């Protein structure tokens, strides 16, 4: 996602993950990321309509202090454990994906975040 832009992802995103409804179809669990648990292909059952932005567009968000939310791959966070970023008030609001083998993007949870198109 380019800096300064956003998109709304109509598909499910992030945790929790459930078995794929079609075991014969190759479905990604999240953008660029497949997940197999005990031989079963998993897909996201997380929220729909997340707001997708470039991670640099949310500099005030902080790492979630919950170590279970900070799953790390070889060089970044795949974002598979739920909202791994919090706002300064402490609310879990977003999942950043910055692992080298997947998408580089930040998904804002629509349960806690809304988009305003007003200009200053």
C-alpha atoms as a PDB file:
ATOM      1  CA  UNK A   1       0.000   0.000   0.000  1.00  0.00           C
ATOM      2  CA  UNK A   2       1.544   3.355  -0.941  1.00  0.00           C
ATOM      3  CA  UNK A   3       2.086   5.945   1.786  1.00  0.00           C
ATOM      4  CA  UNK A   4      -0.847   8.357   2.000  1.00  0.00           C
ATOM      5  CA  UNK A   5      -3.455   6.001   0.528  1.00  0.00           C
ATOM      6  CA  UNK A   6      -5.899   3.540   2.019  1.00  0.00           C
ATOM      7  CA  UNK A   7      -8.169   0.766   0.824  1.00  0.00           C
ATOM      8  CA  UNK A   8     -11.013  -1.206   2.347  1.00  0.00           C
ATOM      9  CA  UNK A   9     -10.435  -4.962   2.254  1.00  0.00           C
ATOM     10  CA  UNK A  10     -13.821  -6.687   1.824  1.00  0.00           C
ATOM     11  CA  UNK A  11     -12.366 -10.113   2.665  1.00  0.00           C
ATOM     12  CA  UNK A  12     -11.869 -11.610   6.110  1.00  0.00           C
ATOM     13  CA  UNK A  13      -8.514 -10.640   7.575  1.00  0.00           C
ATOM     14  CA  UNK A  14      -6.418 -12.030  10.419  1.00  0.00           C
ATOM     15  CA  UNK A  15      -7.202 -14.134  13.441  1.00  0.00           C
ATOM     16  CA  UNK A  16      -9.086 -16.255  14.163  1.00  0.00           C
ATOM     17  CA  UNK A  17      -8.404 -18.892  11.521  1.00  0.00           C
ATOM     18  CA  UNK A  18     -10.741 -21.747  10.622  1.00  0.00           C
ATOM     19  CA  UNK A  19     -10.482 -24.781   8.346  1.00  0.00           C
ATOM     20  CA  UNK A  20     -10.955 -23.946   4.675  1.00  0.00           C
ATOM     21  CA  UNK A  21     -14.519 -24.580   3.462  1.00  0.00           C
ATOM     22  CA  UNK A  22     -13.072 -26.180   0.314  1.00  0.00           C
ATOM     23  CA  UNK A  23     -10.111 -28.432   1.116  1.00  0.00           C
ATOM     24  CA  UNK A  24      -9.411 -28.900  -2.615  1.00  0.00           C
ATOM     25  CA  UNK A  25      -9.055 -25.157  -3.289  1.00  0.00           C
ATOM     26  CA  UNK A  26      -5.766 -23.416  -2.609  1.00  0.00           C
ATOM     27  CA  UNK A  27      -6.871 -20.478  -0.480  1.00  0.00           C
ATOM     28  CA  UNK A  28      -4.578 -18.059   1.323  1.00  0.00           C
ATOM     29  CA  UNK A  29      -5.144 -17.478   5.028  1.00  0.00           C
ATOM     30  CA  UNK A  30      -4.116 -13.812   4.570  1.00  0.00           C
ATOM     31  CA  UNK A  31      -2.524 -11.773   1.750  1.00  0.00           C
ATOM     32  CA  UNK A  32       0.476 -13.747   0.513  1.00  0.00           C
ATOM     33  CA  UNK A  33       0.373 -16.117   3.481  1.00  0.00           C
ATOM     34  CA  UNK A  34      -0.893 -19.669   3.565  1.00  0.00           C
ATOM     35  CA  UNK A  35      -1.409 -21.525   6.825  1.00  0.00           C
ATOM     36  CA  UNK A  36      -1.622 -25.257   7.438  1.00  0.00           C
ATOM     37  CA  UNK A  37      -2.284 -26.606  10.915  1.00  0.00           C
ATOM     38  CA  UNK A  38      -2.049 -30.370  11.435  1.00  0.00           C
ATOM     39  CA  UNK A  39      -2.424 -30.903   7.680  1.00  0.00           C
ATOM     40  CA  UNK A  40      -5.530 -28.705   7.351  1.00  0.00           C
ATOM     41  CA  UNK A  41      -5.552 -25.571   5.181  1.00  0.00           C
ATOM     42  CA  UNK A  42      -6.768 -22.626   7.246  1.00  0.00           C
ATOM     43  CA  UNK A  43      -8.452 -19.390   6.175  1.00  0.00           C
ATOM     44  CA  UNK A  44      -9.143 -16.174   8.027  1.00  0.00           C
ATOM     45  CA  UNK A  45     -12.399 -15.700   9.903  1.00  0.00           C
ATOM     46  CA  UNK A  46     -11.302 -12.277  11.163  1.00  0.00           C
ATOM     47  CA  UNK A  47     -13.139  -9.028  10.496  1.00  0.00           C
ATOM     48  CA  UNK A  48     -14.187  -7.912   7.024  1.00  0.00           C
ATOM     49  CA  UNK A  49     -13.776  -4.366   5.733  1.00  0.00           C
ATOM     50  CA  UNK A  50     -10.482  -3.622   7.463  1.00  0.00           C
ATOM     51  CA  UNK A  51      -8.857  -0.337   6.452  1.00  0.00           C
ATOM     52  CA  UNK A  52      -5.502  -1.074   4.827  1.00  0.00           C
ATOM     53  CA  UNK A  53      -2.770   1.555   5.056  1.00  0.00           C
ATOM     54  CA  UNK A  54       1.002   1.750   4.817  1.00  0.00           C
ATOM     55  CA  UNK A  55       2.575   1.122   8.262  1.00  0.00           C
ATOM     56  CA  UNK A  56       4.332   4.513   8.074  1.00  0.00           C
ATOM     57  CA  UNK A  57       0.926   6.231   8.004  1.00  0.00           C
ATOM     58  CA  UNK A  58       0.249   5.304  11.646  1.00  0.00           C
ATOM     59  CA  UNK A  59       3.341   6.430  13.566  1.00  0.00           C
ATOM     60  CA  UNK A  60       1.558   6.759  16.917  1.00  0.00           C
ATOM     61  CA  UNK A  61       0.575   3.080  17.073  1.00  0.00           C
ATOM     62  CA  UNK A  62       2.683   0.995  19.429  1.00  0.00           C
ATOM     63  CA  UNK A  63       3.527  -2.691  19.745  1.00  0.00           C
ATOM     64  CA  UNK A  64       0.971  -4.667  21.693  1.00  0.00           C
ATOM     65  CA  UNK A  65       2.596  -5.604  25.041  1.00  0.00           C
ATOM     66  CA  UNK A  66       0.964  -9.057  24.934  1.00  0.00           C
ATOM     67  CA  UNK A  67       3.804 -11.401  23.867  1.00  0.00           C
ATOM     68  CA  UNK A  68       1.276 -13.777  22.270  1.00  0.00           C
ATOM     69  CA  UNK A  69       0.365 -11.029  19.778  1.00  0.00           C
ATOM     70  CA  UNK A  70       3.958 -10.532  18.676  1.00  0.00           C
ATOM     71  CA  UNK A  71       4.546 -13.703  16.667  1.00  0.00           C
ATOM     72  CA  UNK A  72       7.686 -13.126  14.656  1.00  0.00           C
ATOM     73  CA  UNK A  73       8.804 -14.840  11.484  1.00  0.00           C
ATOM     74  CA  UNK A  74      12.332 -14.739  10.138  1.00  0.00           C
ATOM     75  CA  UNK A  75      12.482 -10.934   9.913  1.00  0.00           C
ATOM     76  CA  UNK A  76       9.123  -9.413  10.865  1.00  0.00           C
ATOM     77  CA  UNK A  77       5.588  -9.974  12.070  1.00  0.00           C
ATOM     78  CA  UNK A  78       3.280 -12.073   9.880  1.00  0.00           C
ATOM     79  CA  UNK A  79       0.219 -10.721  11.734  1.00  0.00           C
ATOM     80  CA  UNK A  80      -1.308 -14.115  12.408  1.00  0.00           C
ATOM     81  CA  UNK A  81      -2.096 -13.664  16.107  1.00  0.00           C
ATOM     82  CA  UNK A  82      -4.597 -10.807  16.021  1.00  0.00           C
ATOM     83  CA  UNK A  83      -4.207  -7.092  16.591  1.00  0.00           C
ATOM     84  CA  UNK A  84      -0.518  -6.595  17.306  1.00  0.00           C
ATOM     85  CA  UNK A  85      -0.624  -2.791  17.539  1.00  0.00           C
ATOM     86  CA  UNK A  86      -2.323  -0.581  20.101  1.00  0.00           C
ATOM     87  CA  UNK A  87      -3.201   3.091  20.160  1.00  0.00           C
ATOM     88  CA  UNK A  88      -1.733   5.301  22.928  1.00  0.00           C
ATOM     89  CA  UNK A  89      -4.868   4.679  25.047  1.00  0.00           C
ATOM     90  CA  UNK A  90      -4.069   0.939  25.094  1.00  0.00           C
ATOM     91  CA  UNK A  91      -6.845  -0.312  22.791  1.00  0.00           C
ATOM     92  CA  UNK A  92      -5.831  -3.051  20.326  1.00  0.00           C
ATOM     93  CA  UNK A  93      -6.679  -1.456  16.983  1.00  0.00           C
ATOM     94  CA  UNK A  94      -4.556  -2.849  14.164  1.00  0.00           C
ATOM     95  CA  UNK A  95      -2.524  -5.699  12.731  1.00  0.00           C
ATOM     96  CA  UNK A  96       0.715  -4.954  10.951  1.00  0.00           C
ATOM     97  CA  UNK A  97       2.178  -7.446   8.503  1.00  0.00           C
ATOM     98  CA  UNK A  98       5.873  -6.767   7.912  1.00  0.00           C
ATOM     99  CA  UNK A  99       7.321 -10.222   7.409  1.00  0.00           C
ATOM    100  CA  UNK A 100       9.613 -10.568   4.372  1.00  0.00           C
ATOM    101  CA  UNK A 101       7.577 -13.284   2.649  1.00  0.00           C
ATOM    102  CA  UNK A 102       4.162 -11.581   2.786  1.00  0.00           C
ATOM    103  CA  UNK A 103       2.450  -8.286   2.231  1.00  0.00           C
ATOM    104  CA  UNK A 104       3.802  -5.113   3.887  1.00  0.00           C
ATOM    105  CA  UNK A 105       0.652  -3.435   5.169  1.00  0.00           C
ATOM    106  CA  UNK A 106      -1.302  -2.410   8.233  1.00  0.00           C
ATOM    107  CA  UNK A 107      -4.948  -3.424   8.714  1.00  0.00           C
ATOM    108  CA  UNK A 108      -7.016  -1.184  11.000  1.00  0.00           C
ATOM    109  CA  UNK A 109      -9.809  -3.080  12.741  1.00  0.00           C
ATOM    110  CA  UNK A 110     -13.167  -1.521  11.714  1.00  0.00           C
ATOM    111  CA  UNK A 111     -14.579  -2.408  15.142  1.00  0.00           C
ATOM    112  CA  UNK A 112     -12.393   0.318  16.664  1.00  0.00           C
ATOM    113  CA  UNK A 113     -11.379   2.609  13.781  1.00  0.00           C
ATOM    114  CA  UNK A 114     -13.305   4.679  11.256  1.00  0.00           C
ATOM    115  CA  UNK A 115     -12.122   6.652   8.255  1.00  0.00           C
ATOM    116  CA  UNK A 116     -12.787  10.343   7.827  1.00  0.00           C
ATOM    117  CA  UNK A 117     -12.388  11.967   4.427  1.00  0.00           C
ATOM    118  CA  UNK A 118     -12.461  15.467   5.849  1.00  0.00           C
ATOM    119  CA  UNK A 119      -9.454  17.651   5.168  1.00  0.00           C
ATOM    120  CA  UNK A 120      -7.933  20.055   7.623  1.00  0.00           C
END
